[in-house]
Amino acid sequence: MLSGEPDCFKDFAMNSLSPRAAVGLFLIVVLAWGVNWSVTKQLVQFLPPLWTSAIRSWIALAGLFVILGLSRNLVIPERRDIPVILSVALLHMTIFSVLVAAGVRFLPASKAIVLGYTTPLWVAIAAPLLGKDTLTAPKLAGALLGLIGLAVILNPTSIDWTNTNVLFGAAMVILAAMSWAANIIYMSAHRWIASPLQLLLWQVLVATIVLTGSAVITEGPPHAEWSWKLVLLFLYSGLIGTALAYWAMSMVNKSISALTTSLGTTGTPLVGIASAAILLGEPIDMSLAVAAALIVTGIGLATLGDRLLRGQTAASG
C-alpha cells in the first residue's frame, strides 16, 4: 500500500469496514438495487431479456475485475468451491436475472419488485421442507403474512387477469424469486473455502458466458437503436446496480450482522416503488401499498421473530 492512499481505500483493500462505512455502503446497495428495477424496465424496451442481462453482465464483469483487483480479492477458486460458483451464477445471476427482465417487460416495475422480494418467504417455506431448517412459529406467521400480501397484489383488481402478458410477467418474477431462494438455501449449506467476495468475479464470469451463449443461440445478434440514454441505462445497471452493489453487499456482510442485513434489505422494494413512481410515473395504488406492507412485515417477522425465539431458547437451555 502506498502511504498516500486514503484510509477508506485501505479499509476496502484489507476487507474491513468501520461501522459508519458499512452502513453507508449498505444504504448504497438498497438504493442501487431498488432503482435498478426501473432501469431494467426501460432496458427491456430496447433489447430482449437475454441480451439485456448479458450486456449488463459484461459491464459488471469489467467493473468487478477492477474493483476486486484493487482490493486484492482476485483468487483462483478451489475445486470444492466450484458448486457454489455454479449455484450463484446459474440460479441467481442467470435464471433470476433473465426471469426478472422477462417479467418486467409486461409488469409495472413497482409491482415486479414486490413480487421479486418475496424470496425470503420462499426460503422460510422451502428450507424446513428440505430438512435445512426448522419451521418456527415466527417463520410460519411471517410466511402467511407474505402469502396474503402476494394474494393482494395478484388480485384481479390489481393486475389485469384478462391480459396474458401481464399474468406471464407476474409468473416469471415469482419464479425468479423462487430461483433466488433455491440459491440461498444451497449457499447456506455450502462449506466455503474462499470467501463469497473472492468468488464473486468467477460467478459473474460464468453467468456472463451462459447469458451470452444463450442470447446468441436463441435471439441472434443484438439489434437495438443505440443512444446515449441506452448507454447510460446499461452503465448504471452494470456498474452500479450490479458490480458495485454485489461488491458492496459482500463487504457489508463481513461488517454487519446477518439479521441487520436481512431486515435492511426489506427497504429495497420500498425504494423500488418510489423510484418507479418518480422515474416511470407508475401510480402507487392501494393494493400495491397494502401488499408491500404485508410482505415486508412478513419478512421482518420471519427474520427478527425467529432470531429472538432462538435466542430465548438458547438462554433457557
Protein backbone atom coordinates (compact mmCIF):
# COMPACT_ATOMS: atom_id res chain seq x y z
CA MET A 1 0.00 0.00 0.00
CA LEU A 2 1.18 3.50 -0.79
CA SER A 3 1.32 5.81 2.20
CA GLY A 4 -0.70 8.40 0.32
CA GLU A 5 -3.76 6.17 -0.18
CA PRO A 6 -6.94 7.30 1.59
CA ASP A 7 -7.99 5.41 4.72
CA CYS A 8 -11.26 4.22 3.15
CA PHE A 9 -9.33 2.52 0.31
CA LYS A 10 -7.03 0.87 2.84
CA ASP A 11 -10.13 -0.46 4.63
CA PHE A 12 -11.51 -1.84 1.37
CA ALA A 13 -8.21 -3.46 0.44
CA MET A 14 -7.98 -5.08 3.86
CA ASN A 15 -11.61 -6.20 3.59
CA SER A 16 -12.60 -4.43 6.81
CA LEU A 17 -15.04 -1.60 7.22
CA SER A 18 -15.79 0.81 10.02
CA PRO A 19 -19.43 0.68 11.21
CA ARG A 20 -20.15 4.04 9.54
CA ALA A 21 -18.66 2.90 6.21
CA ALA A 22 -20.59 -0.40 6.38
CA VAL A 23 -23.90 1.38 6.97
CA GLY A 24 -23.12 3.83 4.18
CA LEU A 25 -22.34 1.02 1.74
CA PHE A 26 -25.48 -0.82 2.80
CA LEU A 27 -27.62 2.21 2.01
CA ILE A 28 -25.95 2.38 -1.41
CA VAL A 29 -26.85 -1.27 -2.03
CA VAL A 30 -30.52 -0.73 -1.12
CA LEU A 31 -30.74 2.36 -3.33
CA ALA A 32 -28.83 0.74 -6.21
CA TRP A 33 -30.95 -2.41 -6.24
CA GLY A 34 -34.21 -0.53 -5.76
CA VAL A 35 -33.60 1.86 -8.66
CA ASN A 36 -32.24 -0.95 -10.87
CA TRP A 37 -35.73 -2.40 -11.32
CA SER A 38 -36.92 0.80 -13.00
CA VAL A 39 -33.75 0.85 -15.10
CA THR A 40 -34.31 -2.76 -16.17
CA LYS A 41 -37.91 -1.90 -17.07
CA GLN A 42 -36.53 0.68 -19.51
CA LEU A 43 -33.75 -1.54 -20.87
CA VAL A 44 -36.09 -4.35 -21.93
CA GLN A 45 -37.97 -1.88 -24.11
CA PHE A 46 -34.81 -1.69 -26.27
CA LEU A 47 -33.47 -5.26 -26.15
CA PRO A 48 -34.80 -8.76 -25.33
CA PRO A 49 -34.32 -10.04 -21.75
CA LEU A 50 -31.37 -12.34 -22.56
CA TRP A 51 -29.36 -9.64 -24.28
CA THR A 52 -30.29 -7.12 -21.61
CA SER A 53 -28.93 -9.45 -18.93
CA ALA A 54 -25.88 -10.46 -20.99
CA ILE A 55 -24.71 -6.91 -21.81
CA ARG A 56 -25.29 -5.80 -18.23
CA SER A 57 -23.26 -8.81 -17.05
CA TRP A 58 -20.31 -7.95 -19.33
CA ILE A 59 -20.23 -4.42 -17.93
CA ALA A 60 -20.44 -5.76 -14.36
CA LEU A 61 -17.64 -8.24 -15.09
CA ALA A 62 -15.33 -5.45 -16.22
CA GLY A 63 -16.23 -3.31 -13.22
CA LEU A 64 -15.69 -6.14 -10.73
CA PHE A 65 -12.33 -7.04 -12.30
CA VAL A 66 -11.11 -3.54 -11.49
CA ILE A 67 -12.71 -3.37 -8.02
CA LEU A 68 -11.53 -6.80 -6.88
CA GLY A 69 -8.09 -6.28 -8.39
CA LEU A 70 -7.61 -3.04 -6.47
CA SER A 71 -8.85 -4.66 -3.25
CA ARG A 72 -6.65 -7.73 -3.79
CA ASN A 73 -9.51 -10.21 -3.98
CA LEU A 74 -8.64 -11.97 -7.24
CA VAL A 75 -8.00 -15.65 -6.48
CA ILE A 76 -8.12 -18.98 -8.28
CA PRO A 77 -11.06 -20.92 -6.77
CA GLU A 78 -10.60 -24.29 -5.11
CA ARG A 79 -12.40 -27.28 -6.61
CA ARG A 80 -14.72 -27.53 -3.59
CA ASP A 81 -16.00 -24.00 -4.27
CA ILE A 82 -16.98 -24.74 -7.87
CA PRO A 83 -20.51 -25.97 -6.92
CA VAL A 84 -21.33 -22.72 -5.12
CA ILE A 85 -19.88 -20.69 -8.02
CA LEU A 86 -22.22 -22.54 -10.39
CA SER A 87 -25.15 -22.22 -7.98
CA VAL A 88 -24.89 -18.43 -7.70
CA ALA A 89 -24.03 -17.96 -11.36
CA LEU A 90 -26.89 -20.07 -12.70
CA LEU A 91 -29.70 -19.74 -10.14
CA HIS A 92 -29.25 -16.07 -9.22
CA MET A 93 -27.16 -14.25 -11.81
CA THR A 94 -28.61 -16.06 -14.82
CA ILE A 95 -32.08 -17.50 -14.15
CA PHE A 96 -33.18 -14.82 -11.68
CA SER A 97 -31.82 -12.04 -13.89
CA VAL A 98 -33.47 -13.30 -17.10
CA LEU A 99 -36.82 -14.12 -15.48
CA VAL A 100 -36.99 -10.66 -13.87
CA ALA A 101 -36.10 -8.99 -17.17
CA ALA A 102 -38.74 -11.10 -18.94
CA GLY A 103 -41.38 -10.37 -16.31
CA VAL A 104 -40.79 -6.65 -16.00
CA ARG A 105 -41.45 -6.19 -19.73
CA PHE A 106 -45.16 -6.74 -19.05
CA LEU A 107 -45.47 -5.77 -15.40
CA PRO A 108 -45.03 -2.39 -13.68
CA ALA A 109 -41.59 -2.20 -12.07
CA SER A 110 -43.19 -1.31 -8.71
CA LYS A 111 -45.27 -4.48 -8.62
CA ALA A 112 -42.47 -6.61 -10.05
CA ILE A 113 -40.04 -5.65 -7.28
CA VAL A 114 -42.58 -6.50 -4.57
CA LEU A 115 -43.10 -9.93 -6.16
CA GLY A 116 -39.34 -10.36 -6.61
CA TYR A 117 -38.60 -9.69 -2.97
CA THR A 118 -40.84 -12.50 -1.76
CA THR A 119 -37.63 -14.58 -1.87
CA PRO A 120 -37.17 -14.75 1.95
CA LEU A 121 -40.72 -16.10 2.24
CA TRP A 122 -39.95 -18.96 -0.16
CA VAL A 123 -36.78 -19.67 1.83
CA ALA A 124 -38.79 -19.77 5.07
CA ILE A 125 -41.24 -22.23 3.50
CA ALA A 126 -38.86 -24.43 1.49
CA ALA A 127 -35.89 -24.77 3.86
CA PRO A 128 -37.83 -26.71 6.57
CA LEU A 129 -39.43 -28.93 3.91
CA LEU A 130 -35.95 -29.81 2.62
CA GLY A 131 -34.69 -30.50 6.13
CA LYS A 132 -32.37 -27.47 6.04
CA ASP A 133 -34.08 -25.53 8.82
CA THR A 134 -36.87 -25.65 11.39
CA LEU A 135 -40.29 -24.12 10.72
CA THR A 136 -40.78 -21.96 13.81
CA ALA A 137 -43.92 -20.04 14.72
CA PRO A 138 -42.49 -16.64 13.67
CA LYS A 139 -41.41 -18.05 10.31
CA LEU A 140 -44.83 -19.59 9.75
CA ALA A 141 -46.61 -16.38 10.72
CA GLY A 142 -44.28 -14.30 8.54
CA ALA A 143 -44.74 -16.62 5.57
CA LEU A 144 -48.53 -16.48 5.94
CA LEU A 145 -48.45 -12.66 6.06
CA GLY A 146 -46.27 -12.62 2.97
CA LEU A 147 -48.55 -15.01 1.09
CA ILE A 148 -51.54 -12.83 1.96
CA GLY A 149 -49.59 -9.88 0.55
CA LEU A 150 -48.89 -11.92 -2.57
CA ALA A 151 -52.61 -12.62 -2.95
CA VAL A 152 -53.37 -8.91 -2.55
CA ILE A 153 -51.00 -7.84 -5.32
CA LEU A 154 -52.20 -10.64 -7.62
CA ASN A 155 -55.91 -10.00 -7.17
CA PRO A 156 -57.86 -9.12 -10.36
CA THR A 157 -58.34 -5.50 -9.31
CA SER A 158 -54.56 -5.05 -9.04
CA ILE A 159 -53.41 -6.77 -12.23
CA ASP A 160 -55.39 -7.47 -15.39
CA TRP A 161 -56.21 -11.19 -15.40
CA THR A 162 -57.55 -10.92 -18.94
CA ASN A 163 -54.10 -9.89 -20.19
CA THR A 164 -51.99 -12.99 -20.79
CA ASN A 165 -48.78 -10.97 -20.95
CA VAL A 166 -49.39 -9.46 -17.51
CA LEU A 167 -50.01 -12.90 -15.99
CA PHE A 168 -46.89 -14.20 -17.75
CA GLY A 169 -44.87 -11.32 -16.32
CA ALA A 170 -46.09 -11.96 -12.76
CA ALA A 171 -45.36 -15.69 -13.08
CA MET A 172 -41.83 -15.02 -14.36
CA VAL A 173 -40.96 -12.72 -11.44
CA ILE A 174 -42.37 -15.17 -8.86
CA LEU A 175 -40.33 -17.99 -10.44
CA ALA A 176 -37.30 -15.68 -10.28
CA ALA A 177 -37.85 -15.20 -6.54
CA MET A 178 -38.07 -18.98 -6.09
CA SER A 179 -34.83 -19.46 -8.05
CA TRP A 180 -33.07 -16.95 -5.80
CA ALA A 181 -34.49 -18.76 -2.76
CA ALA A 182 -33.08 -22.08 -4.02
CA ASN A 183 -29.68 -20.44 -4.36
CA ILE A 184 -29.83 -19.02 -0.83
CA ILE A 185 -30.71 -22.44 0.62
CA TYR A 186 -27.80 -24.06 -1.20
CA MET A 187 -25.34 -21.34 -0.17
CA SER A 188 -26.30 -21.70 3.48
CA ALA A 189 -25.34 -25.38 3.34
CA HIS A 190 -22.10 -24.89 1.39
CA ARG A 191 -18.77 -25.11 3.23
CA TRP A 192 -16.89 -22.15 1.82
CA ILE A 193 -13.16 -22.33 1.08
CA ALA A 194 -12.66 -18.87 -0.42
CA SER A 195 -14.87 -16.00 0.71
CA PRO A 196 -18.01 -15.01 -1.23
CA LEU A 197 -16.21 -11.79 -2.20
CA GLN A 198 -13.27 -13.70 -3.68
CA LEU A 199 -15.60 -15.94 -5.71
CA LEU A 200 -17.73 -13.06 -6.99
CA LEU A 201 -15.77 -12.46 -10.21
CA TRP A 202 -15.93 -16.16 -11.15
CA GLN A 203 -19.68 -16.27 -10.54
CA VAL A 204 -20.23 -13.26 -12.79
CA LEU A 205 -17.87 -14.74 -15.42
CA VAL A 206 -19.83 -18.00 -15.60
CA ALA A 207 -23.14 -16.11 -15.73
CA THR A 208 -21.83 -13.82 -18.49
CA ILE A 209 -20.72 -16.78 -20.63
CA VAL A 210 -24.03 -18.61 -20.17
CA LEU A 211 -26.14 -15.50 -20.79
CA THR A 212 -24.20 -14.50 -23.91
CA GLY A 213 -24.25 -18.02 -25.37
CA SER A 214 -27.97 -18.37 -24.69
CA ALA A 215 -28.70 -14.96 -26.22
CA VAL A 216 -26.72 -15.72 -29.39
CA ILE A 217 -28.39 -19.13 -29.83
CA THR A 218 -31.98 -18.08 -29.12
CA GLU A 219 -32.08 -14.45 -30.23
CA GLY A 220 -29.20 -13.99 -32.66
CA PRO A 221 -27.06 -10.83 -32.70
CA PRO A 222 -28.45 -7.93 -30.65
CA HIS A 223 -30.40 -5.33 -32.59
CA ALA A 224 -31.09 -2.01 -30.90
CA GLU A 225 -31.19 1.67 -31.72
CA TRP A 226 -28.27 2.78 -29.58
CA SER A 227 -28.47 6.17 -27.95
CA TRP A 228 -26.89 7.97 -25.02
CA LYS A 229 -29.93 7.08 -22.94
CA LEU A 230 -29.49 3.35 -23.62
CA VAL A 231 -25.75 3.54 -22.91
CA LEU A 232 -26.32 5.36 -19.62
CA LEU A 233 -29.02 2.87 -18.58
CA PHE A 234 -26.63 -0.03 -19.22
CA LEU A 235 -23.79 1.70 -17.39
CA TYR A 236 -25.99 2.27 -14.36
CA SER A 237 -27.37 -1.27 -14.38
CA GLY A 238 -24.00 -2.93 -14.98
CA LEU A 239 -21.67 -0.79 -12.87
CA ILE A 240 -23.90 0.49 -10.06
CA GLY A 241 -26.90 -1.85 -9.94
CA THR A 242 -24.76 -4.99 -10.35
CA ALA A 243 -20.98 -4.66 -9.90
CA LEU A 244 -20.92 -2.01 -7.17
CA ALA A 245 -23.96 -3.49 -5.40
CA TYR A 246 -22.59 -7.07 -5.40
CA TRP A 247 -19.19 -5.93 -4.14
CA ALA A 248 -20.66 -3.59 -1.54
CA MET A 249 -23.03 -6.29 -0.24
CA SER A 250 -20.13 -8.73 0.12
CA MET A 251 -18.20 -6.13 2.10
CA VAL A 252 -21.23 -5.25 4.23
CA ASN A 253 -21.89 -8.89 5.10
CA LYS A 254 -18.48 -9.00 6.77
CA SER A 255 -19.18 -5.96 8.92
CA ILE A 256 -22.90 -6.04 9.75
CA SER A 257 -24.85 -8.92 11.29
CA ALA A 258 -26.94 -11.15 9.04
CA LEU A 259 -30.04 -10.09 10.98
CA THR A 260 -29.43 -6.41 10.23
CA THR A 261 -28.82 -7.01 6.53
CA SER A 262 -31.85 -9.30 6.24
CA LEU A 263 -34.11 -6.68 7.77
CA GLY A 264 -32.41 -3.82 5.96
CA THR A 265 -32.91 -5.31 2.50
CA THR A 266 -36.67 -5.10 3.05
CA GLY A 267 -36.18 -1.43 2.25
CA THR A 268 -35.23 -2.33 -1.34
CA PRO A 269 -38.80 -2.88 -2.60
CA LEU A 270 -39.86 0.38 -0.92
CA VAL A 271 -37.09 2.20 -2.78
CA GLY A 272 -38.14 0.38 -5.94
CA ILE A 273 -41.74 1.52 -5.59
CA ALA A 274 -40.66 5.12 -5.00
CA SER A 275 -38.20 5.12 -7.90
CA ALA A 276 -40.81 3.63 -10.26
CA ALA A 277 -43.20 6.41 -9.30
CA ILE A 278 -40.54 9.10 -9.83
CA LEU A 279 -38.72 7.73 -12.89
CA LEU A 280 -41.54 5.95 -14.69
CA GLY A 281 -44.62 7.71 -13.38
CA GLU A 282 -46.14 4.48 -12.09
CA PRO A 283 -49.03 5.01 -9.66
CA ILE A 284 -48.88 3.70 -6.09
CA ASP A 285 -52.34 2.19 -5.70
CA MET A 286 -53.86 0.80 -2.53
CA SER A 287 -53.29 -2.87 -3.39
CA LEU A 288 -49.60 -2.21 -4.05
CA ALA A 289 -49.16 -0.34 -0.76
CA VAL A 290 -51.01 -3.00 1.26
CA ALA A 291 -49.19 -5.88 -0.43
CA ALA A 292 -45.79 -4.26 0.10
CA ALA A 293 -46.59 -3.61 3.78
CA LEU A 294 -47.72 -7.22 4.33
CA ILE A 295 -44.73 -8.76 2.55
CA VAL A 296 -42.16 -6.52 4.24
CA THR A 297 -43.79 -7.13 7.64
CA GLY A 298 -43.87 -10.86 6.95
CA ILE A 299 -40.17 -10.91 6.10
CA GLY A 300 -39.35 -8.87 9.18
CA LEU A 301 -41.41 -11.15 11.43
CA ALA A 302 -39.92 -14.31 9.97
CA THR A 303 -36.39 -12.95 10.35
CA LEU A 304 -36.49 -10.99 13.59
CA GLY A 305 -39.06 -13.12 15.38
CA ASP A 306 -37.22 -16.33 14.58
CA ARG A 307 -33.90 -14.88 15.74
CA LEU A 308 -35.42 -13.69 19.03
CA LEU A 309 -37.08 -17.08 19.57
CA ARG A 310 -33.78 -18.89 19.00
CA GLY A 311 -32.06 -16.52 21.44
CA GLN A 312 -34.68 -17.18 24.12
CA THR A 313 -34.41 -20.93 23.57
CA ALA A 314 -30.63 -20.81 23.85
CA ALA A 315 -30.84 -18.69 27.02
CA SER A 316 -33.33 -21.01 28.67
CA GLY A 317 -31.25 -24.03 27.60
